[in-house]
Amino acid sequence: DFGTGYSSLSYLKRIPIHSVKIDRSFITDITRSVEDATIALAVI
């Protein structure tokens, strides 16, 4: 659910994870909403 909480990039680089999941709320309208598309592309 990345992008839906109060994440901090400074913490993200410290958390020893392998993958980041883009929340479905940004995918549903990714081809119709510039805001959702921008957030999804930023996460990628």
ModelCIF file with pLDDT and N, C-alpha, C, O atoms, coordinates in Angstrom:
data_MODEL
#
_entry.id   MODEL 
#
_entity.id                         1 
_entity.type                       polymer 
_entity.pdbx_number_of_molecules   1 
#
_entity_poly.entity_id                      1 
_entity_poly.type                           'polypeptide(L)' 
_entity_poly.nstd_linkage                   no 
_entity_poly.nstd_monomer                   no 
_entity_poly.pdbx_seq_one_letter_code       DFGTGYSSLSYLKRIPIHSVKIDRSFITDITRSVEDATIALAVI 
_entity_poly.pdbx_seq_one_letter_code_can   DFGTGYSSLSYLKRIPIHSVKIDRSFITDITRSVEDATIALAVI 
_entity_poly.pdbx_strand_id                 A 
#
loop_
_entity_poly_seq.entity_id 
_entity_poly_seq.num 
_entity_poly_seq.mon_id 
_entity_poly_seq.hetero 
1 1  ASP n 
1 2  PHE n 
1 3  GLY n 
1 4  THR n 
1 5  GLY n 
1 6  TYR n 
1 7  SER n 
1 8  SER n 
1 9  LEU n 
1 10 SER n 
1 11 TYR n 
1 12 LEU n 
1 13 LYS n 
1 14 ARG n 
1 15 ILE n 
1 16 PRO n 
1 17 ILE n 
1 18 HIS n 
1 19 SER n 
1 20 VAL n 
1 21 LYS n 
1 22 ILE n 
1 23 ASP n 
1 24 ARG n 
1 25 SER n 
1 26 PHE n 
1 27 ILE n 
1 28 THR n 
1 29 ASP n 
1 30 ILE n 
1 31 THR n 
1 32 ARG n 
1 33 SER n 
1 34 VAL n 
1 35 GLU n 
1 36 ASP n 
1 37 ALA n 
1 38 THR n 
1 39 ILE n 
1 40 ALA n 
1 41 LEU n 
1 42 ALA n 
1 43 VAL n 
1 44 ILE n 
#
_struct_asym.id          A 
_struct_asym.entity_id   1 
#
loop_
_ma_qa_metric.id 
_ma_qa_metric.mode 
_ma_qa_metric.name 
_ma_qa_metric.software_group_id 
_ma_qa_metric.type 
1 global pLDDT . pLDDT 
2 local  pLDDT . pLDDT 
#
_ma_qa_metric_global.metric_id      1 
_ma_qa_metric_global.metric_value   85.23 
_ma_qa_metric_global.model_id       1 
_ma_qa_metric_global.ordinal_id     1 
#
loop_
_ma_qa_metric_local.label_asym_id 
_ma_qa_metric_local.label_comp_id 
_ma_qa_metric_local.label_seq_id 
_ma_qa_metric_local.metric_id 
_ma_qa_metric_local.metric_value 
_ma_qa_metric_local.model_id 
_ma_qa_metric_local.ordinal_id 
A ASP 1  2 77.00 1 1  
A PHE 2  2 75.00 1 2  
A GLY 3  2 66.00 1 3  
A THR 4  2 68.00 1 4  
A GLY 5  2 61.00 1 5  
A TYR 6  2 56.00 1 6  
A SER 7  2 57.00 1 7  
A SER 8  2 60.00 1 8  
A LEU 9  2 69.00 1 9  
A SER 10 2 68.00 1 10 
A TYR 11 2 70.00 1 11 
A LEU 12 2 75.00 1 12 
A LYS 13 2 78.00 1 13 
A ARG 14 2 81.00 1 14 
A ILE 15 2 84.00 1 15 
A PRO 16 2 90.00 1 16 
A ILE 17 2 92.00 1 17 
A HIS 18 2 94.00 1 18 
A SER 19 2 95.00 1 19 
A VAL 20 2 93.00 1 20 
A LYS 21 2 94.00 1 21 
A ILE 22 2 94.00 1 22 
A ASP 23 2 91.00 1 23 
A ARG 24 2 92.00 1 24 
A SER 25 2 92.00 1 25 
A PHE 26 2 94.00 1 26 
A ILE 27 2 95.00 1 27 
A THR 28 2 94.00 1 28 
A ASP 29 2 94.00 1 29 
A ILE 30 2 95.00 1 30 
A THR 31 2 93.00 1 31 
A ARG 32 2 92.00 1 32 
A SER 33 2 93.00 1 33 
A VAL 34 2 94.00 1 34 
A GLU 35 2 93.00 1 35 
A ASP 36 2 93.00 1 36 
A ALA 37 2 95.00 1 37 
A THR 38 2 93.00 1 38 
A ILE 39 2 92.00 1 39 
A ALA 40 2 94.00 1 40 
A LEU 41 2 95.00 1 41 
A ALA 42 2 92.00 1 42 
A VAL 43 2 92.00 1 43 
A ILE 44 2 95.00 1 44 
#
loop_
_atom_site.group_PDB 
_atom_site.id 
_atom_site.type_symbol 
_atom_site.label_atom_id 
_atom_site.label_alt_id 
_atom_site.label_comp_id 
_atom_site.label_asym_id 
_atom_site.label_entity_id 
_atom_site.label_seq_id 
_atom_site.pdbx_PDB_ins_code 
_atom_site.Cartn_x 
_atom_site.Cartn_y 
_atom_site.Cartn_z 
_atom_site.occupancy 
_atom_site.B_iso_or_equiv 
_atom_site.pdbx_formal_charge 
_atom_site.auth_seq_id 
_atom_site.auth_comp_id 
_atom_site.auth_asym_id 
_atom_site.auth_atom_id 
_atom_site.pdbx_PDB_model_num 
ATOM 1   N N  . ASP A 1 1  ? 0.821  -1.224 0.000   1.00 77.00 ? 1  ASP A N  1 
ATOM 2   C CA . ASP A 1 1  ? 0.000  0.000  0.000   1.00 77.00 ? 1  ASP A CA 1 
ATOM 3   C C  . ASP A 1 1  ? 0.846  1.261  0.000   1.00 77.00 ? 1  ASP A C  1 
ATOM 4   O O  . ASP A 1 1  ? 0.493  2.251  0.641   1.00 77.00 ? 1  ASP A O  1 
ATOM 5   N N  . PHE A 1 2  ? 1.968  1.230  -0.720  1.00 75.00 ? 2  PHE A N  1 
ATOM 6   C CA . PHE A 1 2  ? 2.865  2.381  -0.678  1.00 75.00 ? 2  PHE A CA 1 
ATOM 7   C C  . PHE A 1 2  ? 2.181  3.617  -1.259  1.00 75.00 ? 2  PHE A C  1 
ATOM 8   O O  . PHE A 1 2  ? 1.505  3.540  -2.285  1.00 75.00 ? 2  PHE A O  1 
ATOM 9   N N  . GLY A 1 3  ? 2.364  4.745  -0.597  1.00 66.00 ? 3  GLY A N  1 
ATOM 10  C CA . GLY A 1 3  ? 1.794  6.008  -1.051  1.00 66.00 ? 3  GLY A CA 1 
ATOM 11  C C  . GLY A 1 3  ? 0.518  6.404  -0.349  1.00 66.00 ? 3  GLY A C  1 
ATOM 12  O O  . GLY A 1 3  ? 0.038  7.524  -0.523  1.00 66.00 ? 3  GLY A O  1 
ATOM 13  N N  . THR A 1 4  ? -0.050 5.492  0.454   1.00 68.00 ? 4  THR A N  1 
ATOM 14  C CA . THR A 1 4  ? -1.324 5.796  1.115   1.00 68.00 ? 4  THR A CA 1 
ATOM 15  C C  . THR A 1 4  ? -1.135 6.256  2.553   1.00 68.00 ? 4  THR A C  1 
ATOM 16  O O  . THR A 1 4  ? -2.066 6.786  3.160   1.00 68.00 ? 4  THR A O  1 
ATOM 17  N N  . GLY A 1 5  ? 0.048  6.062  3.100   1.00 61.00 ? 5  GLY A N  1 
ATOM 18  C CA . GLY A 1 5  ? 0.275  6.401  4.505   1.00 61.00 ? 5  GLY A CA 1 
ATOM 19  C C  . GLY A 1 5  ? 1.109  7.654  4.657   1.00 61.00 ? 5  GLY A C  1 
ATOM 20  O O  . GLY A 1 5  ? 1.039  8.574  3.843   1.00 61.00 ? 5  GLY A O  1 
ATOM 21  N N  . TYR A 1 6  ? 1.903  7.670  5.720   1.00 56.00 ? 6  TYR A N  1 
ATOM 22  C CA . TYR A 1 6  ? 2.703  8.852  6.002   1.00 56.00 ? 6  TYR A CA 1 
ATOM 23  C C  . TYR A 1 6  ? 4.183  8.498  5.873   1.00 56.00 ? 6  TYR A C  1 
ATOM 24  O O  . TYR A 1 6  ? 4.992  8.789  6.754   1.00 56.00 ? 6  TYR A O  1 
ATOM 25  N N  . SER A 1 7  ? 4.508  7.867  4.757   1.00 57.00 ? 7  SER A N  1 
ATOM 26  C CA . SER A 1 7  ? 5.873  7.386  4.568   1.00 57.00 ? 7  SER A CA 1 
ATOM 27  C C  . SER A 1 7  ? 6.840  8.548  4.380   1.00 57.00 ? 7  SER A C  1 
ATOM 28  O O  . SER A 1 7  ? 6.469  9.627  3.916   1.00 57.00 ? 7  SER A O  1 
ATOM 29  N N  . SER A 1 8  ? 8.057  8.299  4.744   1.00 60.00 ? 8  SER A N  1 
ATOM 30  C CA . SER A 1 8  ? 9.130  9.262  4.567   1.00 60.00 ? 8  SER A CA 1 
ATOM 31  C C  . SER A 1 8  ? 10.219 8.592  3.747   1.00 60.00 ? 8  SER A C  1 
ATOM 32  O O  . SER A 1 8  ? 10.597 7.453  4.020   1.00 60.00 ? 8  SER A O  1 
ATOM 33  N N  . LEU A 1 9  ? 10.728 9.304  2.734   1.00 69.00 ? 9  LEU A N  1 
ATOM 34  C CA . LEU A 1 9  ? 11.768 8.721  1.894   1.00 69.00 ? 9  LEU A CA 1 
ATOM 35  C C  . LEU A 1 9  ? 13.030 8.442  2.694   1.00 69.00 ? 9  LEU A C  1 
ATOM 36  O O  . LEU A 1 9  ? 13.780 7.518  2.379   1.00 69.00 ? 9  LEU A O  1 
ATOM 37  N N  . SER A 1 10 ? 13.263 9.235  3.722   1.00 68.00 ? 10 SER A N  1 
ATOM 38  C CA . SER A 1 10 ? 14.446 8.996  4.556   1.00 68.00 ? 10 SER A CA 1 
ATOM 39  C C  . SER A 1 10 ? 14.328 7.665  5.285   1.00 68.00 ? 10 SER A C  1 
ATOM 40  O O  . SER A 1 10 ? 15.334 6.992  5.511   1.00 68.00 ? 10 SER A O  1 
ATOM 41  N N  . TYR A 1 11 ? 13.085 7.272  5.663   1.00 70.00 ? 11 TYR A N  1 
ATOM 42  C CA . TYR A 1 11 ? 12.879 5.971  6.292   1.00 70.00 ? 11 TYR A CA 1 
ATOM 43  C C  . TYR A 1 11 ? 12.884 4.854  5.246   1.00 70.00 ? 11 TYR A C  1 
ATOM 44  O O  . TYR A 1 11 ? 13.384 3.757  5.493   1.00 70.00 ? 11 TYR A O  1 
ATOM 45  N N  . LEU A 1 12 ? 12.321 5.154  4.081   1.00 75.00 ? 12 LEU A N  1 
ATOM 46  C CA . LEU A 1 12 ? 12.216 4.121  3.049   1.00 75.00 ? 12 LEU A CA 1 
ATOM 47  C C  . LEU A 1 12 ? 13.585 3.575  2.674   1.00 75.00 ? 12 LEU A C  1 
ATOM 48  O O  . LEU A 1 12 ? 13.743 2.370  2.478   1.00 75.00 ? 12 LEU A O  1 
ATOM 49  N N  . LYS A 1 13 ? 14.572 4.454  2.574   1.00 78.00 ? 13 LYS A N  1 
ATOM 50  C CA . LYS A 1 13 ? 15.899 3.977  2.185   1.00 78.00 ? 13 LYS A CA 1 
ATOM 51  C C  . LYS A 1 13 ? 16.569 3.164  3.295   1.00 78.00 ? 13 LYS A C  1 
ATOM 52  O O  . LYS A 1 13 ? 17.530 2.437  3.043   1.00 78.00 ? 13 LYS A O  1 
ATOM 53  N N  . ARG A 1 14 ? 16.053 3.292  4.533   1.00 81.00 ? 14 ARG A N  1 
ATOM 54  C CA . ARG A 1 14 ? 16.621 2.537  5.651   1.00 81.00 ? 14 ARG A CA 1 
ATOM 55  C C  . ARG A 1 14 ? 15.936 1.196  5.870   1.00 81.00 ? 14 ARG A C  1 
ATOM 56  O O  . ARG A 1 14 ? 16.535 0.275  6.427   1.00 81.00 ? 14 ARG A O  1 
ATOM 57  N N  . ILE A 1 15 ? 14.684 1.080  5.433   1.00 84.00 ? 15 ILE A N  1 
ATOM 58  C CA . ILE A 1 15 ? 13.934 -0.163 5.657   1.00 84.00 ? 15 ILE A CA 1 
ATOM 59  C C  . ILE A 1 15 ? 14.434 -1.231 4.685   1.00 84.00 ? 15 ILE A C  1 
ATOM 60  O O  . ILE A 1 15 ? 14.401 -1.004 3.475   1.00 84.00 ? 15 ILE A O  1 
ATOM 61  N N  . PRO A 1 16 ? 14.890 -2.368 5.160   1.00 90.00 ? 16 PRO A N  1 
ATOM 62  C CA . PRO A 1 16 ? 15.514 -3.388 4.298   1.00 90.00 ? 16 PRO A CA 1 
ATOM 63  C C  . PRO A 1 16 ? 14.496 -4.240 3.551   1.00 90.00 ? 16 PRO A C  1 
ATOM 64  O O  . PRO A 1 16 ? 14.312 -5.417 3.858   1.00 90.00 ? 16 PRO A O  1 
ATOM 65  N N  . ILE A 1 17 ? 13.836 -3.631 2.564   1.00 92.00 ? 17 ILE A N  1 
ATOM 66  C CA . ILE A 1 17 ? 12.811 -4.345 1.805   1.00 92.00 ? 17 ILE A CA 1 
ATOM 67  C C  . ILE A 1 17 ? 13.347 -4.707 0.422   1.00 92.00 ? 17 ILE A C  1 
ATOM 68  O O  . ILE A 1 17 ? 14.371 -4.189 -0.023  1.00 92.00 ? 17 ILE A O  1 
ATOM 69  N N  . HIS A 1 18 ? 12.625 -5.614 -0.247  1.00 94.00 ? 18 HIS A N  1 
ATOM 70  C CA . HIS A 1 18 ? 12.992 -6.038 -1.594  1.00 94.00 ? 18 HIS A CA 1 
ATOM 71  C C  . HIS A 1 18 ? 12.060 -5.449 -2.650  1.00 94.00 ? 18 HIS A C  1 
ATOM 72  O O  . HIS A 1 18 ? 12.470 -5.252 -3.794  1.00 94.00 ? 18 HIS A O  1 
ATOM 73  N N  . SER A 1 19 ? 10.811 -5.166 -2.278  1.00 95.00 ? 19 SER A N  1 
ATOM 74  C CA . SER A 1 19 ? 9.853  -4.668 -3.264  1.00 95.00 ? 19 SER A CA 1 
ATOM 75  C C  . SER A 1 19 ? 8.878  -3.676 -2.645  1.00 95.00 ? 19 SER A C  1 
ATOM 76  O O  . SER A 1 19 ? 8.663  -3.652 -1.434  1.00 95.00 ? 19 SER A O  1 
ATOM 77  N N  . VAL A 1 20 ? 8.296  -2.859 -3.520  1.00 93.00 ? 20 VAL A N  1 
ATOM 78  C CA . VAL A 1 20 ? 7.307  -1.854 -3.130  1.00 93.00 ? 20 VAL A CA 1 
ATOM 79  C C  . VAL A 1 20 ? 6.043  -2.099 -3.946  1.00 93.00 ? 20 VAL A C  1 
ATOM 80  O O  . VAL A 1 20 ? 6.100  -2.229 -5.169  1.00 93.00 ? 20 VAL A O  1 
ATOM 81  N N  . LYS A 1 21 ? 4.907  -2.161 -3.265  1.00 94.00 ? 21 LYS A N  1 
ATOM 82  C CA . LYS A 1 21 ? 3.635  -2.404 -3.941  1.00 94.00 ? 21 LYS A CA 1 
ATOM 83  C C  . LYS A 1 21 ? 2.860  -1.087 -4.067  1.00 94.00 ? 21 LYS A C  1 
ATOM 84  O O  . LYS A 1 21 ? 2.636  -0.386 -3.080  1.00 94.00 ? 21 LYS A O  1 
ATOM 85  N N  . ILE A 1 22 ? 2.461  -0.771 -5.288  1.00 94.00 ? 22 ILE A N  1 
ATOM 86  C CA . ILE A 1 22 ? 1.693  0.446  -5.561  1.00 94.00 ? 22 ILE A CA 1 
ATOM 87  C C  . ILE A 1 22 ? 0.237  0.153  -5.249  1.00 94.00 ? 22 ILE A C  1 
ATOM 88  O O  . ILE A 1 22 ? -0.347 -0.776 -5.807  1.00 94.00 ? 22 ILE A O  1 
ATOM 89  N N  . ASP A 1 23 ? -0.350 0.937  -4.362  1.00 91.00 ? 23 ASP A N  1 
ATOM 90  C CA . ASP A 1 23 ? -1.714 0.682  -3.913  1.00 91.00 ? 23 ASP A CA 1 
ATOM 91  C C  . ASP A 1 23 ? -2.709 0.743  -5.078  1.00 91.00 ? 23 ASP A C  1 
ATOM 92  O O  . ASP A 1 23 ? -2.559 1.544  -6.001  1.00 91.00 ? 23 ASP A O  1 
ATOM 93  N N  . ARG A 1 24 ? -3.719 -0.116 -5.015  1.00 92.00 ? 24 ARG A N  1 
ATOM 94  C CA . ARG A 1 24 ? -4.710 -0.205 -6.087  1.00 92.00 ? 24 ARG A CA 1 
ATOM 95  C C  . ARG A 1 24 ? -5.455 1.111  -6.313  1.00 92.00 ? 24 ARG A C  1 
ATOM 96  O O  . ARG A 1 24 ? -5.958 1.357  -7.409  1.00 92.00 ? 24 ARG A O  1 
ATOM 97  N N  . SER A 1 25 ? -5.527 1.956  -5.281  1.00 92.00 ? 25 SER A N  1 
ATOM 98  C CA . SER A 1 25 ? -6.237 3.229  -5.435  1.00 92.00 ? 25 SER A CA 1 
ATOM 99  C C  . SER A 1 25 ? -5.580 4.127  -6.480  1.00 92.00 ? 25 SER A C  1 
ATOM 100 O O  . SER A 1 25 ? -6.241 5.002  -7.041  1.00 92.00 ? 25 SER A O  1 
ATOM 101 N N  . PHE A 1 26 ? -4.285 3.924  -6.751  1.00 94.00 ? 26 PHE A N  1 
ATOM 102 C CA . PHE A 1 26 ? -3.600 4.705  -7.775  1.00 94.00 ? 26 PHE A CA 1 
ATOM 103 C C  . PHE A 1 26 ? -3.631 4.013  -9.134  1.00 94.00 ? 26 PHE A C  1 
ATOM 104 O O  . PHE A 1 26 ? -3.360 4.637  -10.160 1.00 94.00 ? 26 PHE A O  1 
ATOM 105 N N  . ILE A 1 27 ? -3.964 2.720  -9.140  1.00 95.00 ? 27 ILE A N  1 
ATOM 106 C CA . ILE A 1 27 ? -3.973 1.964  -10.393 1.00 95.00 ? 27 ILE A CA 1 
ATOM 107 C C  . ILE A 1 27 ? -5.330 2.058  -11.089 1.00 95.00 ? 27 ILE A C  1 
ATOM 108 O O  . ILE A 1 27 ? -5.392 2.063  -12.318 1.00 95.00 ? 27 ILE A O  1 
ATOM 109 N N  . THR A 1 28 ? -6.410 2.132  -10.321 1.00 94.00 ? 28 THR A N  1 
ATOM 110 C CA . THR A 1 28 ? -7.764 2.100  -10.893 1.00 94.00 ? 28 THR A CA 1 
ATOM 111 C C  . THR A 1 28 ? -7.946 3.137  -11.993 1.00 94.00 ? 28 THR A C  1 
ATOM 112 O O  . THR A 1 28 ? -8.477 2.818  -13.057 1.00 94.00 ? 28 THR A O  1 
ATOM 113 N N  . ASP A 1 29 ? -7.514 4.366  -11.756 1.00 94.00 ? 29 ASP A N  1 
ATOM 114 C CA . ASP A 1 29 ? -7.688 5.441  -12.732 1.00 94.00 ? 29 ASP A CA 1 
ATOM 115 C C  . ASP A 1 29 ? -6.370 5.897  -13.342 1.00 94.00 ? 29 ASP A C  1 
ATOM 116 O O  . ASP A 1 29 ? -6.235 7.055  -13.738 1.00 94.00 ? 29 ASP A O  1 
ATOM 117 N N  . ILE A 1 30 ? -5.403 4.998  -13.418 1.00 95.00 ? 30 ILE A N  1 
ATOM 118 C CA . ILE A 1 30 ? -4.072 5.399  -13.865 1.00 95.00 ? 30 ILE A CA 1 
ATOM 119 C C  . ILE A 1 30 ? -4.073 5.903  -15.302 1.00 95.00 ? 30 ILE A C  1 
ATOM 120 O O  . ILE A 1 30 ? -3.208 6.699  -15.668 1.00 95.00 ? 30 ILE A O  1 
ATOM 121 N N  . THR A 1 31 ? -5.025 5.461  -16.129 1.00 93.00 ? 31 THR A N  1 
ATOM 122 C CA . THR A 1 31 ? -5.090 5.917  -17.515 1.00 93.00 ? 31 THR A CA 1 
ATOM 123 C C  . THR A 1 31 ? -6.056 7.085  -17.699 1.00 93.00 ? 31 THR A C  1 
ATOM 124 O O  . THR A 1 31 ? -6.226 7.582  -18.812 1.00 93.00 ? 31 THR A O  1 
ATOM 125 N N  . ARG A 1 32 ? -6.694 7.528  -16.598 1.00 92.00 ? 32 ARG A N  1 
ATOM 126 C CA . ARG A 1 32 ? -7.658 8.628  -16.698 1.00 92.00 ? 32 ARG A CA 1 
ATOM 127 C C  . ARG A 1 32 ? -7.331 9.798  -15.789 1.00 92.00 ? 32 ARG A C  1 
ATOM 128 O O  . ARG A 1 32 ? -7.809 10.909 -16.022 1.00 92.00 ? 32 ARG A O  1 
ATOM 129 N N  . SER A 1 33 ? -6.533 9.577  -14.764 1.00 93.00 ? 33 SER A N  1 
ATOM 130 C CA . SER A 1 33 ? -6.227 10.614 -13.780 1.00 93.00 ? 33 SER A CA 1 
ATOM 131 C C  . SER A 1 33 ? -4.745 10.951 -13.809 1.00 93.00 ? 33 SER A C  1 
ATOM 132 O O  . SER A 1 33 ? -3.902 10.092 -13.550 1.00 93.00 ? 33 SER A O  1 
ATOM 133 N N  . VAL A 1 34 ? -4.427 12.209 -14.125 1.00 94.00 ? 34 VAL A N  1 
ATOM 134 C CA . VAL A 1 34 ? -3.021 12.601 -14.153 1.00 94.00 ? 34 VAL A CA 1 
ATOM 135 C C  . VAL A 1 34 ? -2.404 12.514 -12.772 1.00 94.00 ? 34 VAL A C  1 
ATOM 136 O O  . VAL A 1 34 ? -1.216 12.217 -12.643 1.00 94.00 ? 34 VAL A O  1 
ATOM 137 N N  . GLU A 1 35 ? -3.201 12.772 -11.723 1.00 93.00 ? 35 GLU A N  1 
ATOM 138 C CA . GLU A 1 35 ? -2.678 12.695 -10.358 1.00 93.00 ? 35 GLU A CA 1 
ATOM 139 C C  . GLU A 1 35 ? -2.283 11.263 -10.006 1.00 93.00 ? 35 GLU A C  1 
ATOM 140 O O  . GLU A 1 35 ? -1.194 11.025 -9.482  1.00 93.00 ? 35 GLU A O  1 
ATOM 141 N N  . ASP A 1 36 ? -3.184 10.300 -10.300 1.00 93.00 ? 36 ASP A N  1 
ATOM 142 C CA . ASP A 1 36 ? -2.878 8.904  -9.992  1.00 93.00 ? 36 ASP A CA 1 
ATOM 143 C C  . ASP A 1 36 ? -1.697 8.401  -10.816 1.00 93.00 ? 36 ASP A C  1 
ATOM 144 O O  . ASP A 1 36 ? -0.836 7.684  -10.306 1.00 93.00 ? 36 ASP A O  1 
ATOM 145 N N  . ALA A 1 37 ? -1.660 8.781  -12.096 1.00 95.00 ? 37 ALA A N  1 
ATOM 146 C CA . ALA A 1 37 ? -0.563 8.363  -12.954 1.00 95.00 ? 37 ALA A CA 1 
ATOM 147 C C  . ALA A 1 37 ? 0.762  8.925  -12.453 1.00 95.00 ? 37 ALA A C  1 
ATOM 148 O O  . ALA A 1 37 ? 1.778  8.229  -12.453 1.00 95.00 ? 37 ALA A O  1 
ATOM 149 N N  . THR A 1 38 ? 0.749  10.175 -12.029 1.00 93.00 ? 38 THR A N  1 
ATOM 150 C CA . THR A 1 38 ? 1.981  10.806 -11.536 1.00 93.00 ? 38 THR A CA 1 
ATOM 151 C C  . THR A 1 38 ? 2.500  10.098 -10.296 1.00 93.00 ? 38 THR A C  1 
ATOM 152 O O  . THR A 1 38 ? 3.699  9.850  -10.172 1.00 93.00 ? 38 THR A O  1 
ATOM 153 N N  . ILE A 1 39 ? 1.582  9.767  -9.365  1.00 92.00 ? 39 ILE A N  1 
ATOM 154 C CA . ILE A 1 39 ? 2.004  9.081  -8.139  1.00 92.00 ? 39 ILE A CA 1 
ATOM 155 C C  . ILE A 1 39 ? 2.545  7.693  -8.458  1.00 92.00 ? 39 ILE A C  1 
ATOM 156 O O  . ILE A 1 39 ? 3.587  7.293  -7.939  1.00 92.00 ? 39 ILE A O  1 
ATOM 157 N N  . ALA A 1 40 ? 1.828  6.956  -9.319  1.00 94.00 ? 40 ALA A N  1 
ATOM 158 C CA . ALA A 1 40 ? 2.280  5.604  -9.670  1.00 94.00 ? 40 ALA A CA 1 
ATOM 159 C C  . ALA A 1 40 ? 3.659  5.639  -10.333 1.00 94.00 ? 40 ALA A C  1 
ATOM 160 O O  . ALA A 1 40 ? 4.523  4.824  -10.010 1.00 94.00 ? 40 ALA A O  1 
ATOM 161 N N  . LEU A 1 41 ? 3.865  6.573  -11.252 1.00 95.00 ? 41 LEU A N  1 
ATOM 162 C CA . LEU A 1 41 ? 5.155  6.672  -11.932 1.00 95.00 ? 41 LEU A CA 1 
ATOM 163 C C  . LEU A 1 41 ? 6.258  7.092  -10.974 1.00 95.00 ? 41 LEU A C  1 
ATOM 164 O O  . LEU A 1 41 ? 7.402  6.658  -11.108 1.00 95.00 ? 41 LEU A O  1 
ATOM 165 N N  . ALA A 1 42 ? 5.913  7.938  -10.006 1.00 92.00 ? 42 ALA A N  1 
ATOM 166 C CA . ALA A 1 42 ? 6.906  8.347  -9.006  1.00 92.00 ? 42 ALA A CA 1 
ATOM 167 C C  . ALA A 1 42 ? 7.341  7.154  -8.158  1.00 92.00 ? 42 ALA A C  1 
ATOM 168 O O  . ALA A 1 42 ? 8.526  7.004  -7.859  1.00 92.00 ? 42 ALA A O  1 
ATOM 169 N N  . VAL A 1 43 ? 6.378  6.298  -7.768  1.00 92.00 ? 43 VAL A N  1 
ATOM 170 C CA . VAL A 1 43 ? 6.715  5.110  -6.973  1.00 92.00 ? 43 VAL A CA 1 
ATOM 171 C C  . VAL A 1 43 ? 7.609  4.171  -7.777  1.00 92.00 ? 43 VAL A C  1 
ATOM 172 O O  . VAL A 1 43 ? 8.579  3.625  -7.251  1.00 92.00 ? 43 VAL A O  1 
ATOM 173 N N  . ILE A 1 44 ? 7.277  3.985  -9.061  1.00 95.00 ? 44 ILE A N  1 
ATOM 174 C CA . ILE A 1 44 ? 8.105  3.126  -9.916  1.00 95.00 ? 44 ILE A CA 1 
ATOM 175 C C  . ILE A 1 44 ? 9.526  3.680  -10.013 1.00 95.00 ? 44 ILE A C  1 
ATOM 176 O O  . ILE A 1 44 ? 10.372 3.095  -10.689 1.00 95.00 ? 44 ILE A O  1 
#
